[in-house]
C-alpha cells in the first residue's frame, strides 16, 4: 500500500526528475539494499538488483525500454549512482565498522560469517564476503591501515548519487 501512495509522487509529471531521484535515494534504494553489506553477492543477484533499479527509474521518468534511452542518460537525469557502486560502498562501510569495533563487543551472526575464514562446503555461495571486500579494496586501492581514520575512509569509499 505504501508503494501505491508513493506512486503519486513518482509518476507525477509535474515533479522534477531530481526530486524523484532524491525520493529514490532516500526511500527506495535503502529498501532494496537492506542488509546488502553482509551479502556475498552472486552475479545473478547483482543483475536482478540492477534490472529492478532501472525499471523503477524508467517508470519514474515515464519511459519504457521501447523508447531506447540508455541507462546512463536516465541515471544522470535523475541523479542516481550505479547500484554496484552503492553496494560496494555499503560493504566497505560495514567492513570499516566491523574492523574498528572493540574486541569485547558482541558479535552478530553476519559479522561472524564475514570475519571468519570459513571453508567452502557443498551448496555454499561461490564467494565469501571477505573475498568481495578484498576485491573492492583492490579496485579502490585501499589498505587496512586506512580503516582507523573514519573521515578518510568514508571519503575514499563514498559514491555520490
N, C-alpha and C. Protein backbone atom coordinates (compact mmCIF):
# COMPACT_ATOMS: atom_id res chain seq x y z
N UNK A 1 0.83 -1.20 0.00
CA UNK A 1 0.00 0.00 0.00
C UNK A 1 0.86 1.25 0.00
N UNK A 2 1.99 1.20 0.72
CA UNK A 2 2.85 2.38 0.79
C UNK A 2 3.44 2.72 -0.57
N UNK A 3 3.81 1.68 -1.36
CA UNK A 3 4.34 1.97 -2.70
C UNK A 3 3.26 2.60 -3.56
N UNK A 4 2.01 2.20 -3.36
CA UNK A 4 0.92 2.81 -4.10
C UNK A 4 0.77 4.28 -3.76
N UNK A 5 0.96 4.61 -2.48
CA UNK A 5 0.91 6.03 -2.08
C UNK A 5 2.09 6.80 -2.66
N UNK A 6 3.25 6.17 -2.73
CA UNK A 6 4.43 6.84 -3.26
C UNK A 6 4.34 7.04 -4.76
N UNK A 7 3.56 6.21 -5.44
CA UNK A 7 3.48 6.33 -6.90
C UNK A 7 2.87 7.66 -7.33
N UNK A 8 2.08 8.27 -6.44
CA UNK A 8 1.53 9.60 -6.75
C UNK A 8 2.64 10.62 -6.95
N UNK A 9 3.70 10.51 -6.17
CA UNK A 9 4.85 11.41 -6.30
C UNK A 9 5.73 10.97 -7.46
N UNK A 10 5.99 9.68 -7.55
CA UNK A 10 6.94 9.17 -8.52
C UNK A 10 6.44 9.26 -9.96
N UNK A 11 5.13 9.17 -10.17
CA UNK A 11 4.58 9.19 -11.53
C UNK A 11 4.10 10.56 -11.96
N UNK A 12 4.07 11.51 -11.06
CA UNK A 12 3.57 12.84 -11.39
C UNK A 12 4.53 13.56 -12.31
N UNK A 13 4.05 14.01 -13.46
CA UNK A 13 4.91 14.68 -14.43
C UNK A 13 5.31 16.08 -13.97
N UNK A 14 4.59 16.63 -13.01
CA UNK A 14 4.91 17.97 -12.50
C UNK A 14 6.09 17.95 -11.54
N UNK A 15 6.40 16.79 -10.96
CA UNK A 15 7.50 16.67 -10.02
C UNK A 15 8.80 16.56 -10.82
N UNK A 16 9.80 17.40 -10.54
CA UNK A 16 11.05 17.35 -11.30
C UNK A 16 11.80 16.04 -11.09
N UNK A 17 12.54 15.58 -12.12
CA UNK A 17 13.26 14.30 -12.02
C UNK A 17 14.26 14.25 -10.87
N UNK A 18 14.92 15.37 -10.56
CA UNK A 18 15.89 15.38 -9.46
C UNK A 18 15.21 15.12 -8.11
N UNK A 19 14.00 15.63 -7.93
CA UNK A 19 13.26 15.39 -6.69
C UNK A 19 12.84 13.92 -6.62
N UNK A 20 12.45 13.36 -7.75
CA UNK A 20 12.13 11.94 -7.79
C UNK A 20 13.37 11.11 -7.46
N UNK A 21 14.52 11.56 -7.96
CA UNK A 21 15.78 10.87 -7.65
C UNK A 21 16.11 10.93 -6.18
N UNK A 22 15.83 12.06 -5.56
CA UNK A 22 16.08 12.19 -4.12
C UNK A 22 15.17 11.23 -3.35
N UNK A 23 13.91 11.15 -3.75
CA UNK A 23 12.98 10.21 -3.13
C UNK A 23 13.48 8.78 -3.30
N UNK A 24 13.98 8.46 -4.48
CA UNK A 24 14.53 7.13 -4.74
C UNK A 24 15.71 6.84 -3.82
N UNK A 25 16.63 7.82 -3.69
CA UNK A 25 17.82 7.62 -2.86
C UNK A 25 17.48 7.48 -1.38
N UNK A 26 16.42 8.16 -0.93
CA UNK A 26 16.08 8.17 0.49
C UNK A 26 15.17 7.01 0.88
N UNK A 27 14.26 6.60 0.00
CA UNK A 27 13.26 5.60 0.37
C UNK A 27 13.46 4.26 -0.34
N UNK A 28 13.57 4.29 -1.66
CA UNK A 28 13.55 3.06 -2.44
C UNK A 28 14.86 2.30 -2.34
N UNK A 29 15.99 2.97 -2.59
CA UNK A 29 17.28 2.27 -2.58
C UNK A 29 17.62 1.65 -1.23
N UNK A 30 17.43 2.35 -0.10
CA UNK A 30 17.70 1.68 1.18
C UNK A 30 16.84 0.44 1.40
N UNK A 31 15.62 0.46 0.88
CA UNK A 31 14.75 -0.71 1.00
C UNK A 31 15.29 -1.87 0.17
N UNK A 32 15.74 -1.56 -1.05
CA UNK A 32 16.27 -2.60 -1.93
C UNK A 32 17.58 -3.18 -1.41
N UNK A 33 18.42 -2.34 -0.82
CA UNK A 33 19.75 -2.77 -0.40
C UNK A 33 19.82 -3.09 1.09
N UNK A 34 18.69 -3.35 1.72
CA UNK A 34 18.67 -3.65 3.14
C UNK A 34 19.54 -4.88 3.42
N UNK A 35 20.49 -4.76 4.29
CA UNK A 35 21.43 -5.80 4.72
C UNK A 35 22.32 -6.26 3.57
N UNK A 36 22.47 -5.46 2.53
CA UNK A 36 23.33 -5.84 1.39
C UNK A 36 24.81 -5.84 1.76
N UNK A 37 25.17 -5.16 2.85
CA UNK A 37 26.58 -5.13 3.24
C UNK A 37 27.07 -6.49 3.70
N UNK A 38 26.18 -7.40 4.05
CA UNK A 38 26.57 -8.73 4.53
C UNK A 38 26.45 -9.81 3.46
N UNK A 39 25.95 -9.48 2.29
CA UNK A 39 25.74 -10.48 1.25
C UNK A 39 27.01 -10.75 0.47
N UNK A 40 27.37 -12.00 0.27
CA UNK A 40 28.36 -12.30 -0.77
C UNK A 40 27.61 -12.41 -2.09
N UNK A 41 27.51 -11.34 -2.82
CA UNK A 41 26.64 -11.21 -3.98
C UNK A 41 27.10 -12.10 -5.13
N UNK A 42 26.17 -12.85 -5.68
CA UNK A 42 26.42 -13.57 -6.93
C UNK A 42 26.06 -12.64 -8.07
N UNK A 43 26.56 -12.95 -9.25
CA UNK A 43 26.23 -12.13 -10.42
C UNK A 43 24.73 -12.12 -10.68
N UNK A 44 24.08 -13.24 -10.40
CA UNK A 44 22.64 -13.35 -10.58
C UNK A 44 21.91 -12.33 -9.71
N UNK A 45 22.29 -12.21 -8.45
CA UNK A 45 21.66 -11.25 -7.54
C UNK A 45 21.93 -9.82 -7.98
N UNK A 46 23.18 -9.58 -8.36
CA UNK A 46 23.56 -8.24 -8.79
C UNK A 46 22.76 -7.83 -10.02
N UNK A 47 22.60 -8.73 -10.97
CA UNK A 47 21.86 -8.42 -12.19
C UNK A 47 20.40 -8.12 -11.87
N UNK A 48 19.82 -8.87 -10.96
CA UNK A 48 18.43 -8.62 -10.58
C UNK A 48 18.26 -7.25 -9.93
N UNK A 49 19.21 -6.88 -9.08
CA UNK A 49 19.15 -5.56 -8.44
C UNK A 49 19.25 -4.45 -9.48
N UNK A 50 20.16 -4.66 -10.44
CA UNK A 50 20.35 -3.66 -11.48
C UNK A 50 19.09 -3.49 -12.33
N UNK A 51 18.47 -4.60 -12.69
CA UNK A 51 17.25 -4.56 -13.50
C UNK A 51 16.11 -3.89 -12.73
N UNK A 52 15.96 -4.26 -11.46
CA UNK A 52 14.89 -3.67 -10.65
C UNK A 52 15.08 -2.16 -10.52
N UNK A 53 16.31 -1.75 -10.33
CA UNK A 53 16.60 -0.32 -10.20
C UNK A 53 16.27 0.43 -11.48
N UNK A 54 16.70 -0.10 -12.61
CA UNK A 54 16.46 0.60 -13.87
C UNK A 54 14.98 0.60 -14.23
N UNK A 55 14.27 -0.47 -13.90
CA UNK A 55 12.82 -0.48 -14.15
C UNK A 55 12.14 0.61 -13.34
N UNK A 56 12.57 0.77 -12.09
CA UNK A 56 11.99 1.80 -11.23
C UNK A 56 12.31 3.19 -11.77
N UNK A 57 13.56 3.42 -12.18
CA UNK A 57 13.94 4.74 -12.69
C UNK A 57 13.23 5.07 -14.00
N UNK A 58 13.12 4.09 -14.89
CA UNK A 58 12.40 4.33 -16.14
C UNK A 58 10.93 4.65 -15.86
N UNK A 59 10.34 3.91 -14.94
CA UNK A 59 8.95 4.13 -14.56
C UNK A 59 8.76 5.53 -13.99
N UNK A 60 9.72 5.97 -13.17
CA UNK A 60 9.64 7.30 -12.58
C UNK A 60 9.73 8.39 -13.65
N UNK A 61 10.56 8.15 -14.67
CA UNK A 61 10.75 9.16 -15.72
C UNK A 61 9.67 9.09 -16.80
N UNK A 62 8.84 8.06 -16.76
CA UNK A 62 7.79 7.92 -17.76
C UNK A 62 8.30 7.35 -19.07
N UNK A 63 9.37 6.60 -19.03
CA UNK A 63 9.93 5.97 -20.23
C UNK A 63 9.77 4.46 -20.15
N UNK A 64 9.84 3.82 -21.31
CA UNK A 64 9.88 2.37 -21.37
C UNK A 64 11.13 1.97 -22.13
N UNK A 65 11.40 0.67 -22.19
CA UNK A 65 12.57 0.20 -22.93
C UNK A 65 12.38 0.43 -24.42
N UNK A 66 11.15 0.54 -24.86
CA UNK A 66 10.87 0.77 -26.28
C UNK A 66 11.40 2.14 -26.70
N UNK A 67 11.46 3.09 -25.77
CA UNK A 67 11.98 4.43 -26.08
C UNK A 67 13.47 4.42 -26.39
N UNK A 68 14.16 3.34 -26.05
CA UNK A 68 15.60 3.16 -26.32
C UNK A 68 16.45 4.30 -25.78
N UNK A 69 16.22 4.62 -24.52
CA UNK A 69 17.04 5.62 -23.84
C UNK A 69 18.03 4.86 -22.98
N UNK A 70 19.30 5.21 -23.10
CA UNK A 70 20.36 4.49 -22.39
C UNK A 70 20.23 4.67 -20.87
N UNK A 71 20.68 3.64 -20.16
CA UNK A 71 20.61 3.66 -18.69
C UNK A 71 21.37 4.84 -18.11
N UNK A 72 22.54 5.15 -18.68
CA UNK A 72 23.36 6.26 -18.16
C UNK A 72 22.61 7.58 -18.27
N UNK A 73 21.87 7.76 -19.35
CA UNK A 73 21.12 9.00 -19.54
C UNK A 73 20.04 9.13 -18.47
N UNK A 74 19.35 8.05 -18.21
CA UNK A 74 18.29 8.09 -17.20
C UNK A 74 18.88 8.30 -15.81
N UNK A 75 20.01 7.62 -15.50
CA UNK A 75 20.64 7.82 -14.19
C UNK A 75 21.11 9.26 -14.02
N UNK A 76 21.67 9.86 -15.08
CA UNK A 76 22.10 11.26 -15.00
C UNK A 76 20.90 12.20 -14.84
N UNK A 77 19.82 11.90 -15.52
CA UNK A 77 18.62 12.75 -15.45
C UNK A 77 18.05 12.77 -14.03
N UNK A 78 18.07 11.62 -13.38
CA UNK A 78 17.52 11.50 -12.03
C UNK A 78 18.57 11.81 -10.96
N UNK A 79 19.85 11.65 -11.31
CA UNK A 79 20.93 11.94 -10.36
C UNK A 79 21.20 10.79 -9.41
N UNK A 80 21.26 9.57 -9.94
CA UNK A 80 21.45 8.38 -9.12
C UNK A 80 22.70 7.65 -9.58
N UNK A 81 23.47 7.12 -8.64
CA UNK A 81 24.69 6.37 -8.94
C UNK A 81 24.34 4.92 -9.31
N UNK A 82 25.24 4.23 -10.02
CA UNK A 82 25.01 2.82 -10.34
C UNK A 82 24.91 1.98 -9.07
N UNK A 83 24.09 0.93 -9.14
CA UNK A 83 23.82 0.11 -7.96
C UNK A 83 25.05 -0.66 -7.51
N UNK A 84 25.93 -1.06 -8.41
CA UNK A 84 27.12 -1.80 -7.99
C UNK A 84 28.05 -0.92 -7.17
N UNK A 85 28.15 0.36 -7.52
CA UNK A 85 28.98 1.28 -6.73
C UNK A 85 28.41 1.47 -5.32
N UNK A 86 27.08 1.59 -5.23
CA UNK A 86 26.46 1.77 -3.91
C UNK A 86 26.58 0.51 -3.06
N UNK A 87 26.49 -0.66 -3.69
CA UNK A 87 26.65 -1.91 -2.93
C UNK A 87 28.08 -2.04 -2.43
N UNK A 88 29.05 -1.62 -3.24
CA UNK A 88 30.45 -1.65 -2.82
C UNK A 88 30.66 -0.69 -1.65
N UNK A 89 30.05 0.49 -1.74
CA UNK A 89 30.17 1.45 -0.65
C UNK A 89 29.59 0.88 0.65
N UNK A 90 28.43 0.23 0.57
CA UNK A 90 27.83 -0.36 1.77
C UNK A 90 28.71 -1.44 2.37
N UNK A 91 29.27 -2.31 1.51
CA UNK A 91 30.13 -3.38 2.02
C UNK A 91 31.36 -2.82 2.70
N UNK A 92 32.00 -1.84 2.08
CA UNK A 92 33.22 -1.28 2.65
C UNK A 92 32.93 -0.47 3.92
N UNK A 93 31.79 0.18 3.96
CA UNK A 93 31.42 0.92 5.17
C UNK A 93 31.21 -0.06 6.32
N UNK A 94 30.52 -1.18 6.05
CA UNK A 94 30.30 -2.19 7.09
C UNK A 94 31.62 -2.83 7.50
N UNK A 95 32.51 -3.08 6.55
CA UNK A 95 33.81 -3.66 6.85
C UNK A 95 34.60 -2.74 7.78
N UNK A 96 34.59 -1.43 7.50
CA UNK A 96 35.27 -0.48 8.38
C UNK A 96 34.67 -0.49 9.77
N UNK A 97 33.35 -0.58 9.84
CA UNK A 97 32.67 -0.63 11.14
C UNK A 97 33.09 -1.87 11.92
N UNK A 98 33.12 -3.02 11.25
CA UNK A 98 33.48 -4.28 11.91
C UNK A 98 34.94 -4.25 12.37
N UNK A 99 35.83 -3.69 11.56
CA UNK A 99 37.24 -3.66 11.91
C UNK A 99 37.54 -2.69 13.05
N UNK A 100 36.77 -1.61 13.15
CA UNK A 100 37.03 -0.61 14.18
C UNK A 100 36.40 -0.94 15.53
N UNK A 101 35.45 -1.86 15.57
CA UNK A 101 34.76 -2.13 16.83
C UNK A 101 35.74 -2.71 17.87
N UNK A 102 35.37 -2.56 19.12
CA UNK A 102 36.23 -3.05 20.20
C UNK A 102 36.20 -4.57 20.25
N UNK A 103 37.22 -5.14 20.83
CA UNK A 103 37.33 -6.59 20.86
C UNK A 103 36.31 -7.25 21.79
N UNK A 104 35.79 -6.51 22.76
CA UNK A 104 34.81 -7.09 23.69
C UNK A 104 33.37 -6.85 23.26
N UNK A 105 33.16 -6.27 22.09
CA UNK A 105 31.81 -6.00 21.60
C UNK A 105 31.14 -7.31 21.19
N UNK A 106 29.81 -7.42 21.40
CA UNK A 106 29.12 -8.64 20.98
C UNK A 106 29.14 -8.77 19.46
N UNK A 107 29.21 -10.00 18.99
CA UNK A 107 29.33 -10.26 17.56
C UNK A 107 28.02 -10.84 17.04
N UNK A 108 27.48 -10.22 15.97
CA UNK A 108 26.27 -10.73 15.34
C UNK A 108 26.64 -11.81 14.34
N UNK A 109 25.66 -12.57 13.93
CA UNK A 109 25.90 -13.70 13.03
C UNK A 109 26.53 -13.25 11.72
N UNK A 110 26.03 -12.18 11.14
CA UNK A 110 26.56 -11.74 9.85
C UNK A 110 28.01 -11.27 9.99
N UNK A 111 28.35 -10.68 11.14
CA UNK A 111 29.74 -10.30 11.37
C UNK A 111 30.62 -11.53 11.54
N UNK A 112 30.10 -12.54 12.23
CA UNK A 112 30.84 -13.76 12.45
C UNK A 112 31.15 -14.43 11.12
N UNK A 113 30.17 -14.47 10.23
CA UNK A 113 30.38 -15.07 8.91
C UNK A 113 31.34 -14.23 8.07
N UNK A 114 31.27 -12.92 8.24
CA UNK A 114 32.11 -12.03 7.45
C UNK A 114 33.56 -12.11 7.86
N UNK A 115 33.82 -12.18 9.16
CA UNK A 115 35.18 -12.15 9.66
C UNK A 115 35.83 -13.52 9.62
N UNK A 116 35.05 -14.56 9.91
CA UNK A 116 35.61 -15.91 9.97
C UNK A 116 36.01 -16.38 8.58
N UNK A 117 37.07 -17.10 8.49
CA UNK A 117 37.51 -17.66 7.22
C UNK A 117 36.98 -19.06 7.04
N UNK A 118 35.68 -19.19 6.85
CA UNK A 118 35.05 -20.50 6.72
C UNK A 118 35.44 -21.15 5.39
N UNK A 119 35.63 -22.47 5.45
CA UNK A 119 35.93 -23.19 4.21
C UNK A 119 34.66 -23.35 3.40
N UNK A 120 34.83 -23.47 2.12
CA UNK A 120 33.68 -23.66 1.26
C UNK A 120 33.17 -25.08 1.40
N UNK A 121 31.90 -25.20 1.55
CA UNK A 121 31.28 -26.51 1.64
C UNK A 121 30.30 -26.69 0.50
N UNK A 122 29.76 -27.86 0.42
CA UNK A 122 28.83 -28.16 -0.65
C UNK A 122 27.58 -27.29 -0.48
N UNK A 123 27.14 -26.67 -1.55
CA UNK A 123 25.95 -25.85 -1.52
C UNK A 123 26.17 -24.43 -1.03
N UNK A 124 27.38 -24.07 -0.70
CA UNK A 124 27.65 -22.70 -0.25
C UNK A 124 27.76 -21.76 -1.43
N UNK A 125 27.72 -20.47 -1.14
CA UNK A 125 27.93 -19.48 -2.18
C UNK A 125 29.36 -19.57 -2.69
N UNK A 126 29.58 -19.18 -3.92
CA UNK A 126 30.89 -19.33 -4.51
C UNK A 126 31.89 -18.33 -3.95
N UNK A 127 31.41 -17.21 -3.49
CA UNK A 127 32.31 -16.19 -2.95
C UNK A 127 31.99 -15.97 -1.49
N UNK A 128 33.03 -15.70 -0.73
CA UNK A 128 32.85 -15.26 0.65
C UNK A 128 32.74 -13.75 0.65
N UNK A 129 32.19 -13.26 1.73
CA UNK A 129 32.09 -11.83 1.91
C UNK A 129 33.49 -11.21 1.96
N UNK A 130 34.42 -11.89 2.63
CA UNK A 130 35.79 -11.39 2.74
C UNK A 130 36.48 -11.29 1.39
N UNK A 131 36.20 -12.23 0.50
CA UNK A 131 36.77 -12.17 -0.85
C UNK A 131 36.23 -10.97 -1.61
N UNK A 132 34.96 -10.67 -1.41
CA UNK A 132 34.38 -9.50 -2.08
C UNK A 132 35.01 -8.22 -1.54
N UNK A 133 35.26 -8.17 -0.23
CA UNK A 133 35.89 -6.99 0.37
C UNK A 133 37.30 -6.82 -0.19
N UNK A 134 38.03 -7.92 -0.32
CA UNK A 134 39.39 -7.85 -0.87
C UNK A 134 39.36 -7.30 -2.29
N UNK A 135 38.40 -7.75 -3.10
CA UNK A 135 38.27 -7.24 -4.46
C UNK A 135 37.91 -5.76 -4.46
N UNK A 136 36.97 -5.38 -3.61
CA UNK A 136 36.55 -3.98 -3.53
C UNK A 136 37.71 -3.07 -3.12
N UNK A 137 38.47 -3.52 -2.13
CA UNK A 137 39.60 -2.71 -1.66
C UNK A 137 40.68 -2.60 -2.74
N UNK A 138 40.92 -3.67 -3.49
CA UNK A 138 41.89 -3.61 -4.57
C UNK A 138 41.42 -2.68 -5.68
N UNK A 139 40.13 -2.70 -5.97
CA UNK A 139 39.58 -1.83 -7.01
C UNK A 139 39.74 -0.35 -6.66
N UNK A 140 39.52 -0.02 -5.38
CA UNK A 140 39.63 1.37 -4.93
C UNK A 140 41.01 1.72 -4.38
N UNK A 141 41.94 0.77 -4.43
CA UNK A 141 43.31 0.95 -3.95
C UNK A 141 43.34 1.38 -2.48
N UNK A 142 42.65 0.60 -1.65
CA UNK A 142 42.59 0.85 -0.22
C UNK A 142 43.40 -0.19 0.52
N UNK A 143 43.89 0.19 1.71
CA UNK A 143 44.59 -0.76 2.58
C UNK A 143 43.89 -0.79 3.93
N UNK A 144 44.17 -1.82 4.71
CA UNK A 144 43.53 -1.94 6.02
C UNK A 144 44.04 -0.89 7.01
N UNK A 145 45.18 -0.27 6.72
CA UNK A 145 45.69 0.79 7.59
C UNK A 145 44.80 2.03 7.54
N UNK A 146 44.09 2.23 6.44
CA UNK A 146 43.25 3.42 6.27
C UNK A 146 41.96 3.34 7.08
N UNK A 147 41.60 2.18 7.57
CA UNK A 147 40.31 1.99 8.22
C UNK A 147 40.18 2.79 9.51
N UNK A 148 41.25 2.94 10.26
CA UNK A 148 41.17 3.58 11.57
C UNK A 148 40.81 5.06 11.48
N UNK A 149 41.14 5.73 10.40
CA UNK A 149 40.76 7.13 10.21
C UNK A 149 39.39 7.17 9.54
N UNK A 150 38.35 7.40 10.34
CA UNK A 150 36.97 7.33 9.84
C UNK A 150 36.69 8.29 8.71
N UNK A 151 37.13 9.52 8.85
CA UNK A 151 36.84 10.53 7.82
C UNK A 151 37.50 10.19 6.50
N UNK A 152 38.75 9.80 6.54
CA UNK A 152 39.46 9.45 5.32
C UNK A 152 38.83 8.22 4.66
N UNK A 153 38.48 7.23 5.48
CA UNK A 153 37.86 6.00 4.96
C UNK A 153 36.54 6.33 4.28
N UNK A 154 35.73 7.14 4.95
CA UNK A 154 34.42 7.49 4.38
C UNK A 154 34.58 8.27 3.08
N UNK A 155 35.53 9.19 3.02
CA UNK A 155 35.70 9.97 1.81
C UNK A 155 36.22 9.13 0.64
N UNK A 156 36.98 8.08 0.94
CA UNK A 156 37.53 7.23 -0.12
C UNK A 156 36.50 6.25 -0.67
N UNK A 157 35.56 5.80 0.18
CA UNK A 157 34.59 4.82 -0.29
C UNK A 157 33.28 5.47 -0.76
N UNK A 158 33.09 6.73 -0.51
CA UNK A 158 31.83 7.43 -0.80
C UNK A 158 31.57 7.51 -2.29
N UNK A 159 30.33 7.19 -2.66
CA UNK A 159 29.84 7.31 -4.03
C UNK A 159 28.74 8.35 -4.02
N UNK A 160 28.88 9.37 -4.84
CA UNK A 160 27.90 10.46 -4.87
C UNK A 160 26.73 10.03 -5.76
N UNK A 161 25.53 10.20 -5.24
CA UNK A 161 24.33 9.91 -6.03
C UNK A 161 23.54 8.80 -5.56
